[in-house]
Amino acid sequence: MTKWNVDAAHTNVGFSVRHMMVSNVKGSFTGIEGSVTGDLENLTEAKIDFKIDVNTINTNNVDRDNHLRSDDFFAVESYPTITFDSTEIVKTGKDTYDVTGDLTVKDVTKKTTFKVTRTGSGKNPWGVDVVGFETETKISRKEFGLTWNQALETGGVLVGDDIKIMVELQVNPA
């Protein structure tokens, strides 16, 4: 089986969450490493694992980023990484898959399914094979112990529960 490593310079891990019940806050993590081991033409037998450095969170607001790193949310000093390890991959169409695995945030692990699309492949200017994927899923932050919130005077809460996760991924041979 061939092993492919995440090309962090060409990968984006983004998220979006409802803010004050009226808009979305978007952010990203820049510290990602991981691998895909198997046939990238047919992922059904592959093994996929990722690790995200939570300290690299960026929402374009330093105060908010520091609050997200605090014990109110990610508690990065105790839980510095988010991990994902695939357990089942099902082909759902041409170049599309449901990738299910164990997503761990803080000390909570939940089965999570990502909708994955293989977006293409080619050689970079140095002759190295590269393969691209896009994926997304939605999780409940409360299920992962991210429960901090604040009630609003107008009703509702400051931070929504649903987190949309989007990943644009490029891998290179190990």
N, C-alpha and C. Protein backbone atom coordinates (compact mmCIF):
# COMPACT_ATOMS: atom_id res chain seq x y z
N MET A 1 0.84 -1.19 0.00
CA MET A 1 0.00 0.00 0.00
C MET A 1 0.88 1.24 0.00
N THR A 2 0.44 2.23 -0.73
CA THR A 2 1.17 3.49 -0.81
C THR A 2 0.72 4.42 0.31
N LYS A 3 1.68 5.11 0.89
CA LYS A 3 1.35 6.09 1.92
C LYS A 3 1.53 7.48 1.34
N TRP A 4 0.54 8.34 1.60
CA TRP A 4 0.54 9.73 1.16
C TRP A 4 0.43 10.61 2.39
N ASN A 5 1.25 11.64 2.45
CA ASN A 5 1.22 12.56 3.59
C ASN A 5 0.50 13.85 3.23
N VAL A 6 -0.14 14.43 4.22
CA VAL A 6 -0.80 15.72 4.04
C VAL A 6 0.24 16.77 3.70
N ASP A 7 -0.02 17.55 2.68
CA ASP A 7 0.80 18.71 2.33
C ASP A 7 0.17 19.91 3.02
N ALA A 8 0.67 20.25 4.20
CA ALA A 8 0.05 21.29 5.02
C ALA A 8 0.03 22.65 4.32
N ALA A 9 1.00 22.91 3.47
CA ALA A 9 1.05 24.20 2.77
C ALA A 9 -0.06 24.34 1.73
N HIS A 10 -0.65 23.22 1.33
CA HIS A 10 -1.71 23.23 0.32
C HIS A 10 -3.00 22.60 0.85
N THR A 11 -3.18 22.68 2.16
CA THR A 11 -4.36 22.13 2.81
C THR A 11 -5.00 23.20 3.68
N ASN A 12 -6.32 23.24 3.68
CA ASN A 12 -7.05 24.20 4.50
C ASN A 12 -8.08 23.45 5.34
N VAL A 13 -8.04 23.65 6.65
CA VAL A 13 -9.02 23.09 7.57
C VAL A 13 -9.85 24.26 8.10
N GLY A 14 -11.09 24.37 7.64
CA GLY A 14 -11.93 25.48 8.03
C GLY A 14 -13.15 25.04 8.80
N PHE A 15 -13.76 26.00 9.48
CA PHE A 15 -15.01 25.72 10.20
C PHE A 15 -15.86 26.97 10.19
N SER A 16 -17.14 26.75 10.47
CA SER A 16 -18.10 27.84 10.52
C SER A 16 -19.11 27.54 11.62
N VAL A 17 -19.49 28.59 12.38
CA VAL A 17 -20.45 28.43 13.47
C VAL A 17 -21.34 29.66 13.51
N ARG A 18 -22.59 29.48 13.86
CA ARG A 18 -23.54 30.59 13.95
C ARG A 18 -23.18 31.48 15.14
N HIS A 19 -23.20 32.80 14.90
CA HIS A 19 -22.86 33.79 15.92
C HIS A 19 -24.06 34.70 16.17
N MET A 20 -24.48 34.79 17.41
CA MET A 20 -25.60 35.64 17.84
C MET A 20 -26.89 35.35 17.07
N MET A 21 -27.00 34.15 16.54
CA MET A 21 -28.21 33.69 15.85
C MET A 21 -28.45 34.44 14.53
N VAL A 22 -27.48 35.26 14.07
CA VAL A 22 -27.72 36.07 12.87
C VAL A 22 -26.64 35.96 11.80
N SER A 23 -25.44 35.56 12.15
CA SER A 23 -24.36 35.49 11.16
C SER A 23 -23.47 34.29 11.48
N ASN A 24 -22.48 34.07 10.64
CA ASN A 24 -21.54 32.98 10.86
C ASN A 24 -20.15 33.52 11.11
N VAL A 25 -19.44 32.90 12.04
CA VAL A 25 -18.03 33.16 12.24
C VAL A 25 -17.29 32.01 11.59
N LYS A 26 -16.30 32.35 10.79
CA LYS A 26 -15.48 31.34 10.14
C LYS A 26 -14.08 31.38 10.71
N GLY A 27 -13.44 30.24 10.67
CA GLY A 27 -12.08 30.16 11.16
C GLY A 27 -11.36 29.00 10.52
N SER A 28 -10.11 28.82 10.91
CA SER A 28 -9.32 27.73 10.35
C SER A 28 -8.26 27.30 11.36
N PHE A 29 -7.68 26.16 11.07
CA PHE A 29 -6.52 25.64 11.78
C PHE A 29 -5.41 25.49 10.75
N THR A 30 -4.21 25.98 11.05
CA THR A 30 -3.12 25.88 10.09
C THR A 30 -2.18 24.71 10.39
N GLY A 31 -2.23 24.18 11.58
CA GLY A 31 -1.34 23.09 11.96
C GLY A 31 -2.00 21.75 11.75
N ILE A 32 -1.75 21.13 10.60
CA ILE A 32 -2.33 19.81 10.33
C ILE A 32 -1.25 18.88 9.82
N GLU A 33 -1.33 17.64 10.27
CA GLU A 33 -0.49 16.58 9.72
C GLU A 33 -1.35 15.34 9.64
N GLY A 34 -0.95 14.43 8.80
CA GLY A 34 -1.72 13.21 8.66
C GLY A 34 -1.31 12.45 7.42
N SER A 35 -2.02 11.35 7.19
CA SER A 35 -1.69 10.52 6.04
C SER A 35 -2.91 9.75 5.55
N VAL A 36 -2.79 9.35 4.30
CA VAL A 36 -3.73 8.44 3.67
C VAL A 36 -2.89 7.28 3.17
N THR A 37 -3.19 6.08 3.65
CA THR A 37 -2.45 4.90 3.23
C THR A 37 -3.39 4.01 2.44
N GLY A 38 -3.05 3.80 1.15
CA GLY A 38 -3.87 2.96 0.30
C GLY A 38 -3.93 3.50 -1.11
N ASP A 39 -4.87 2.98 -1.88
CA ASP A 39 -5.07 3.34 -3.28
C ASP A 39 -5.96 4.58 -3.35
N LEU A 40 -5.42 5.68 -3.82
CA LEU A 40 -6.19 6.92 -3.87
C LEU A 40 -7.19 6.95 -5.02
N GLU A 41 -7.12 5.97 -5.91
CA GLU A 41 -8.13 5.84 -6.97
C GLU A 41 -9.39 5.18 -6.43
N ASN A 42 -9.23 4.42 -5.33
CA ASN A 42 -10.36 3.74 -4.70
C ASN A 42 -10.09 3.68 -3.20
N LEU A 43 -10.64 4.63 -2.48
CA LEU A 43 -10.32 4.78 -1.05
C LEU A 43 -10.94 3.72 -0.15
N THR A 44 -11.78 2.84 -0.66
CA THR A 44 -12.55 1.95 0.22
C THR A 44 -11.68 1.09 1.14
N GLU A 45 -10.46 0.80 0.77
CA GLU A 45 -9.57 0.00 1.61
C GLU A 45 -8.49 0.85 2.28
N ALA A 46 -8.56 2.16 2.14
CA ALA A 46 -7.52 3.05 2.67
C ALA A 46 -7.67 3.24 4.17
N LYS A 47 -6.61 3.73 4.76
CA LYS A 47 -6.59 4.14 6.17
C LYS A 47 -6.22 5.61 6.18
N ILE A 48 -7.04 6.41 6.86
CA ILE A 48 -6.85 7.86 6.90
C ILE A 48 -6.72 8.30 8.34
N ASP A 49 -5.69 9.12 8.62
CA ASP A 49 -5.55 9.67 9.97
C ASP A 49 -5.05 11.11 9.86
N PHE A 50 -5.55 11.94 10.77
CA PHE A 50 -5.16 13.35 10.83
C PHE A 50 -4.98 13.79 12.26
N LYS A 51 -4.13 14.79 12.43
CA LYS A 51 -3.94 15.42 13.73
C LYS A 51 -3.85 16.92 13.48
N ILE A 52 -4.66 17.67 14.22
CA ILE A 52 -4.70 19.13 14.09
C ILE A 52 -4.19 19.75 15.38
N ASP A 53 -3.29 20.71 15.25
CA ASP A 53 -2.77 21.47 16.38
C ASP A 53 -3.80 22.56 16.70
N VAL A 54 -4.54 22.40 17.80
CA VAL A 54 -5.62 23.32 18.15
C VAL A 54 -5.09 24.72 18.43
N ASN A 55 -3.86 24.83 18.87
CA ASN A 55 -3.28 26.14 19.16
C ASN A 55 -3.18 27.02 17.91
N THR A 56 -3.29 26.43 16.72
CA THR A 56 -3.17 27.19 15.46
C THR A 56 -4.51 27.75 15.00
N ILE A 57 -5.52 27.72 15.85
CA ILE A 57 -6.84 28.25 15.48
C ILE A 57 -6.73 29.72 15.12
N ASN A 58 -7.46 30.12 14.07
CA ASN A 58 -7.44 31.51 13.62
C ASN A 58 -8.82 31.89 13.12
N THR A 59 -9.44 32.87 13.79
CA THR A 59 -10.74 33.41 13.36
C THR A 59 -10.62 34.89 12.99
N ASN A 60 -9.39 35.35 12.80
CA ASN A 60 -9.10 36.76 12.49
C ASN A 60 -9.47 37.71 13.63
N ASN A 61 -9.50 37.18 14.86
CA ASN A 61 -9.76 38.00 16.03
C ASN A 61 -8.96 37.40 17.19
N VAL A 62 -7.90 38.09 17.59
CA VAL A 62 -6.98 37.55 18.60
C VAL A 62 -7.69 37.23 19.92
N ASP A 63 -8.56 38.15 20.37
CA ASP A 63 -9.27 37.90 21.64
C ASP A 63 -10.15 36.65 21.55
N ARG A 64 -10.87 36.50 20.45
CA ARG A 64 -11.73 35.32 20.28
C ARG A 64 -10.87 34.06 20.19
N ASP A 65 -9.75 34.12 19.44
CA ASP A 65 -8.88 32.95 19.32
C ASP A 65 -8.35 32.53 20.69
N ASN A 66 -7.94 33.50 21.50
CA ASN A 66 -7.45 33.17 22.84
C ASN A 66 -8.57 32.59 23.71
N HIS A 67 -9.79 33.09 23.57
CA HIS A 67 -10.92 32.52 24.32
C HIS A 67 -11.17 31.08 23.87
N LEU A 68 -11.09 30.83 22.57
CA LEU A 68 -11.29 29.46 22.06
C LEU A 68 -10.20 28.51 22.56
N ARG A 69 -9.00 29.01 22.78
CA ARG A 69 -7.91 28.18 23.31
C ARG A 69 -8.06 27.90 24.81
N SER A 70 -8.87 28.72 25.49
CA SER A 70 -8.99 28.64 26.96
C SER A 70 -9.81 27.41 27.39
N ASP A 71 -9.91 27.23 28.71
CA ASP A 71 -10.68 26.12 29.27
C ASP A 71 -12.17 26.24 28.97
N ASP A 72 -12.66 27.44 28.60
CA ASP A 72 -14.07 27.58 28.22
C ASP A 72 -14.40 26.76 26.97
N PHE A 73 -13.40 26.55 26.10
CA PHE A 73 -13.63 25.82 24.86
C PHE A 73 -12.66 24.64 24.73
N PHE A 74 -11.55 24.82 24.01
CA PHE A 74 -10.68 23.70 23.66
C PHE A 74 -9.69 23.28 24.74
N ALA A 75 -9.41 24.11 25.71
CA ALA A 75 -8.46 23.79 26.78
C ALA A 75 -7.16 23.23 26.20
N VAL A 76 -6.50 24.04 25.34
CA VAL A 76 -5.36 23.55 24.58
C VAL A 76 -4.19 23.07 25.44
N GLU A 77 -4.06 23.58 26.65
CA GLU A 77 -2.96 23.10 27.48
C GLU A 77 -3.16 21.63 27.88
N SER A 78 -4.40 21.22 28.05
CA SER A 78 -4.69 19.83 28.39
C SER A 78 -4.96 18.97 27.16
N TYR A 79 -5.52 19.57 26.12
CA TYR A 79 -5.93 18.84 24.91
C TYR A 79 -5.43 19.57 23.68
N PRO A 80 -4.14 19.44 23.36
CA PRO A 80 -3.54 20.25 22.30
C PRO A 80 -3.90 19.83 20.87
N THR A 81 -4.52 18.66 20.69
CA THR A 81 -4.80 18.21 19.33
C THR A 81 -6.23 17.72 19.17
N ILE A 82 -6.69 17.81 17.93
CA ILE A 82 -7.91 17.15 17.46
C ILE A 82 -7.43 16.05 16.54
N THR A 83 -7.99 14.84 16.69
CA THR A 83 -7.55 13.73 15.84
C THR A 83 -8.73 13.08 15.13
N PHE A 84 -8.42 12.43 14.02
CA PHE A 84 -9.39 11.65 13.27
C PHE A 84 -8.70 10.40 12.76
N ASP A 85 -9.32 9.24 12.97
CA ASP A 85 -8.83 7.96 12.47
C ASP A 85 -9.99 7.24 11.80
N SER A 86 -9.83 6.96 10.50
CA SER A 86 -10.93 6.32 9.76
C SER A 86 -11.15 4.89 10.24
N THR A 87 -12.43 4.47 10.19
CA THR A 87 -12.80 3.10 10.53
C THR A 87 -13.56 2.41 9.40
N GLU A 88 -14.16 3.21 8.50
CA GLU A 88 -14.91 2.65 7.38
C GLU A 88 -15.00 3.69 6.27
N ILE A 89 -14.78 3.23 5.03
CA ILE A 89 -14.89 4.12 3.88
C ILE A 89 -15.79 3.45 2.85
N VAL A 90 -16.86 4.16 2.46
CA VAL A 90 -17.85 3.63 1.53
C VAL A 90 -17.87 4.52 0.29
N LYS A 91 -17.73 3.92 -0.87
CA LYS A 91 -17.82 4.65 -2.14
C LYS A 91 -19.28 4.99 -2.39
N THR A 92 -19.59 6.26 -2.65
CA THR A 92 -20.97 6.70 -2.84
C THR A 92 -21.25 7.17 -4.25
N GLY A 93 -20.22 7.25 -5.08
CA GLY A 93 -20.37 7.71 -6.47
C GLY A 93 -19.00 7.83 -7.10
N LYS A 94 -18.96 8.38 -8.30
CA LYS A 94 -17.68 8.57 -8.97
C LYS A 94 -16.88 9.61 -8.19
N ASP A 95 -15.76 9.18 -7.62
CA ASP A 95 -14.87 10.04 -6.85
C ASP A 95 -15.48 10.60 -5.57
N THR A 96 -16.55 9.98 -5.04
CA THR A 96 -17.14 10.44 -3.78
C THR A 96 -17.21 9.28 -2.79
N TYR A 97 -17.04 9.63 -1.52
CA TYR A 97 -16.99 8.62 -0.46
C TYR A 97 -17.61 9.18 0.81
N ASP A 98 -18.11 8.29 1.65
CA ASP A 98 -18.42 8.59 3.03
C ASP A 98 -17.30 7.98 3.86
N VAL A 99 -16.53 8.83 4.54
CA VAL A 99 -15.42 8.37 5.36
C VAL A 99 -15.83 8.54 6.82
N THR A 100 -16.01 7.41 7.49
CA THR A 100 -16.42 7.40 8.89
C THR A 100 -15.22 7.04 9.75
N GLY A 101 -15.14 7.68 10.91
CA GLY A 101 -14.04 7.37 11.80
C GLY A 101 -14.24 7.99 13.16
N ASP A 102 -13.22 7.85 13.98
CA ASP A 102 -13.23 8.36 15.33
C ASP A 102 -12.64 9.77 15.35
N LEU A 103 -13.50 10.76 15.62
CA LEU A 103 -13.08 12.15 15.77
C LEU A 103 -12.96 12.43 17.26
N THR A 104 -11.78 12.89 17.68
CA THR A 104 -11.56 13.18 19.09
C THR A 104 -11.26 14.66 19.26
N VAL A 105 -12.11 15.31 20.06
CA VAL A 105 -11.94 16.71 20.43
C VAL A 105 -11.93 16.74 21.95
N LYS A 106 -10.92 17.39 22.52
CA LYS A 106 -10.70 17.32 23.96
C LYS A 106 -10.55 15.84 24.31
N ASP A 107 -11.30 15.34 25.25
CA ASP A 107 -11.17 13.92 25.59
C ASP A 107 -12.39 13.13 25.16
N VAL A 108 -13.14 13.66 24.18
CA VAL A 108 -14.37 13.02 23.72
C VAL A 108 -14.17 12.49 22.30
N THR A 109 -14.48 11.20 22.11
CA THR A 109 -14.37 10.58 20.79
C THR A 109 -15.76 10.18 20.32
N LYS A 110 -16.10 10.57 19.10
CA LYS A 110 -17.40 10.25 18.49
C LYS A 110 -17.19 9.77 17.07
N LYS A 111 -18.01 8.80 16.66
CA LYS A 111 -18.03 8.39 15.25
C LYS A 111 -18.55 9.56 14.44
N THR A 112 -17.82 9.94 13.40
CA THR A 112 -18.18 11.07 12.56
C THR A 112 -17.95 10.68 11.12
N THR A 113 -18.87 11.07 10.24
CA THR A 113 -18.75 10.78 8.82
C THR A 113 -18.51 12.06 8.03
N PHE A 114 -17.48 12.04 7.22
CA PHE A 114 -17.14 13.13 6.32
C PHE A 114 -17.55 12.74 4.90
N LYS A 115 -18.19 13.65 4.18
CA LYS A 115 -18.48 13.48 2.77
C LYS A 115 -17.22 13.92 2.02
N VAL A 116 -16.60 13.01 1.27
CA VAL A 116 -15.31 13.28 0.63
C VAL A 116 -15.45 13.19 -0.89
N THR A 117 -14.86 14.17 -1.58
CA THR A 117 -14.78 14.16 -3.04
C THR A 117 -13.33 14.25 -3.45
N ARG A 118 -12.91 13.32 -4.30
CA ARG A 118 -11.56 13.38 -4.88
C ARG A 118 -11.64 14.41 -5.99
N THR A 119 -10.86 15.49 -5.87
CA THR A 119 -10.99 16.62 -6.81
C THR A 119 -10.01 16.58 -7.96
N GLY A 120 -9.03 15.71 -7.91
CA GLY A 120 -8.10 15.60 -9.03
C GLY A 120 -6.72 15.17 -8.59
N SER A 121 -5.85 15.01 -9.61
CA SER A 121 -4.47 14.62 -9.35
C SER A 121 -3.59 15.18 -10.46
N GLY A 122 -2.31 15.20 -10.20
CA GLY A 122 -1.36 15.70 -11.19
C GLY A 122 0.04 15.66 -10.63
N LYS A 123 0.95 16.29 -11.36
CA LYS A 123 2.33 16.42 -10.91
C LYS A 123 2.60 17.89 -10.64
N ASN A 124 3.27 18.16 -9.52
CA ASN A 124 3.64 19.55 -9.23
C ASN A 124 4.85 19.93 -10.09
N PRO A 125 5.32 21.17 -10.06
CA PRO A 125 6.44 21.59 -10.91
C PRO A 125 7.74 20.82 -10.68
N TRP A 126 7.86 20.10 -9.58
CA TRP A 126 9.05 19.32 -9.28
C TRP A 126 8.88 17.85 -9.63
N GLY A 127 7.77 17.52 -10.31
CA GLY A 127 7.53 16.16 -10.76
C GLY A 127 6.95 15.23 -9.72
N VAL A 128 6.49 15.77 -8.60
CA VAL A 128 5.92 14.96 -7.52
C VAL A 128 4.42 14.81 -7.74
N ASP A 129 3.92 13.58 -7.64
CA ASP A 129 2.49 13.34 -7.75
C ASP A 129 1.75 13.99 -6.58
N VAL A 130 0.61 14.61 -6.87
CA VAL A 130 -0.24 15.19 -5.84
C VAL A 130 -1.68 14.79 -6.12
N VAL A 131 -2.47 14.65 -5.06
CA VAL A 131 -3.89 14.31 -5.19
C VAL A 131 -4.66 15.24 -4.26
N GLY A 132 -5.81 15.73 -4.74
CA GLY A 132 -6.61 16.64 -3.95
C GLY A 132 -7.96 16.05 -3.57
N PHE A 133 -8.46 16.49 -2.41
CA PHE A 133 -9.75 16.08 -1.91
C PHE A 133 -10.44 17.28 -1.27
N GLU A 134 -11.76 17.26 -1.27
CA GLU A 134 -12.56 18.20 -0.49
C GLU A 134 -13.49 17.38 0.36
N THR A 135 -13.74 17.87 1.58
CA THR A 135 -14.60 17.13 2.48
C THR A 135 -15.32 18.08 3.42
N GLU A 136 -16.46 17.64 3.88
CA GLU A 136 -17.17 18.42 4.90
C GLU A 136 -18.04 17.52 5.75
N THR A 137 -18.36 18.05 6.92
CA THR A 137 -19.28 17.40 7.84
C THR A 137 -19.83 18.46 8.78
N LYS A 138 -20.78 18.06 9.58
CA LYS A 138 -21.33 18.94 10.61
C LYS A 138 -21.36 18.16 11.91
N ILE A 139 -20.92 18.81 12.99
CA ILE A 139 -20.94 18.18 14.31
C ILE A 139 -21.63 19.10 15.31
N SER A 140 -22.05 18.52 16.41
CA SER A 140 -22.56 19.27 17.55
C SER A 140 -21.40 19.54 18.49
N ARG A 141 -21.08 20.80 18.72
CA ARG A 141 -19.95 21.12 19.59
C ARG A 141 -20.20 20.64 21.02
N LYS A 142 -21.48 20.66 21.44
CA LYS A 142 -21.81 20.24 22.81
C LYS A 142 -21.48 18.76 23.03
N GLU A 143 -21.64 17.94 21.97
CA GLU A 143 -21.33 16.52 22.10
C GLU A 143 -19.84 16.27 22.36
N PHE A 144 -19.01 17.27 22.04
CA PHE A 144 -17.58 17.15 22.25
C PHE A 144 -17.11 17.95 23.46
N GLY A 145 -18.03 18.34 24.33
CA GLY A 145 -17.66 19.04 25.55
C GLY A 145 -17.36 20.52 25.38
N LEU A 146 -17.73 21.09 24.23
CA LEU A 146 -17.53 22.52 23.99
C LEU A 146 -18.85 23.22 24.29
N THR A 147 -19.13 23.42 25.57
CA THR A 147 -20.47 23.83 26.00
C THR A 147 -20.60 25.29 26.39
N TRP A 148 -19.50 26.03 26.48
CA TRP A 148 -19.60 27.44 26.90
C TRP A 148 -20.55 28.19 25.98
N ASN A 149 -21.36 29.07 26.58
CA ASN A 149 -22.26 29.91 25.80
C ASN A 149 -22.71 31.07 26.66
N GLN A 150 -23.43 31.98 26.04
CA GLN A 150 -23.97 33.13 26.75
C GLN A 150 -25.34 33.44 26.16
N ALA A 151 -26.34 33.59 27.03
CA ALA A 151 -27.69 33.94 26.58
C ALA A 151 -27.71 35.39 26.10
N LEU A 152 -28.52 35.65 25.08
CA LEU A 152 -28.67 37.00 24.55
C LEU A 152 -29.94 37.65 25.09
N GLU A 153 -29.91 38.95 25.29
CA GLU A 153 -31.09 39.67 25.77
C GLU A 153 -32.29 39.49 24.85
N THR A 154 -32.01 39.38 23.56
CA THR A 154 -33.08 39.27 22.56
C THR A 154 -33.55 37.84 22.37
N GLY A 155 -33.02 36.93 23.15
CA GLY A 155 -33.34 35.51 23.01
C GLY A 155 -32.24 34.82 22.22
N GLY A 156 -32.15 33.53 22.37
CA GLY A 156 -31.10 32.79 21.70
C GLY A 156 -29.79 32.83 22.48
N VAL A 157 -28.73 32.40 21.80
CA VAL A 157 -27.43 32.31 22.44
C VAL A 157 -26.35 32.91 21.54
N LEU A 158 -25.21 33.19 22.14
CA LEU A 158 -24.10 33.82 21.43
C LEU A 158 -23.49 32.88 20.39
N VAL A 159 -23.31 31.59 20.75
CA VAL A 159 -22.64 30.64 19.87
C VAL A 159 -23.57 29.48 19.55
N GLY A 160 -23.75 29.21 18.26
CA GLY A 160 -24.58 28.08 17.85
C GLY A 160 -23.95 26.75 18.21
N ASP A 161 -24.74 25.69 18.17
CA ASP A 161 -24.25 24.36 18.51
C ASP A 161 -23.60 23.66 17.31
N ASP A 162 -24.18 23.82 16.13
CA ASP A 162 -23.67 23.11 14.95
C ASP A 162 -22.40 23.76 14.41
N ILE A 163 -21.39 22.94 14.21
CA ILE A 163 -20.13 23.38 13.62
C ILE A 163 -19.99 22.69 12.27
N LYS A 164 -19.86 23.48 11.22
CA LYS A 164 -19.60 22.94 9.90
C LYS A 164 -18.09 22.91 9.71
N ILE A 165 -17.58 21.75 9.34
CA ILE A 165 -16.14 21.57 9.13
C ILE A 165 -15.92 21.31 7.64
N MET A 166 -15.00 22.08 7.05
CA MET A 166 -14.67 21.93 5.64
C MET A 166 -13.15 21.75 5.52
N VAL A 167 -12.72 20.76 4.74
CA VAL A 167 -11.30 20.53 4.54
C VAL A 167 -11.03 20.45 3.05
N GLU A 168 -10.05 21.24 2.60
CA GLU A 168 -9.50 21.12 1.25
C GLU A 168 -8.11 20.57 1.45
N LEU A 169 -7.86 19.39 0.90
CA LEU A 169 -6.70 18.60 1.26
C LEU A 169 -5.87 18.25 0.03
N GLN A 170 -4.56 18.39 0.15
CA GLN A 170 -3.66 17.87 -0.86
C GLN A 170 -2.69 16.92 -0.18
N VAL A 171 -2.45 15.77 -0.82
CA VAL A 171 -1.50 14.79 -0.30
C VAL A 171 -0.43 14.53 -1.34
N ASN A 172 0.76 14.18 -0.83
CA ASN A 172 1.93 13.85 -1.65
C ASN A 172 2.45 12.50 -1.19
N PRO A 173 3.15 11.76 -2.06
CA PRO A 173 3.72 10.47 -1.63
C PRO A 173 4.67 10.66 -0.45
N ALA A 174 4.60 9.72 0.49
CA ALA A 174 5.49 9.78 1.67
C ALA A 174 6.92 9.48 1.28
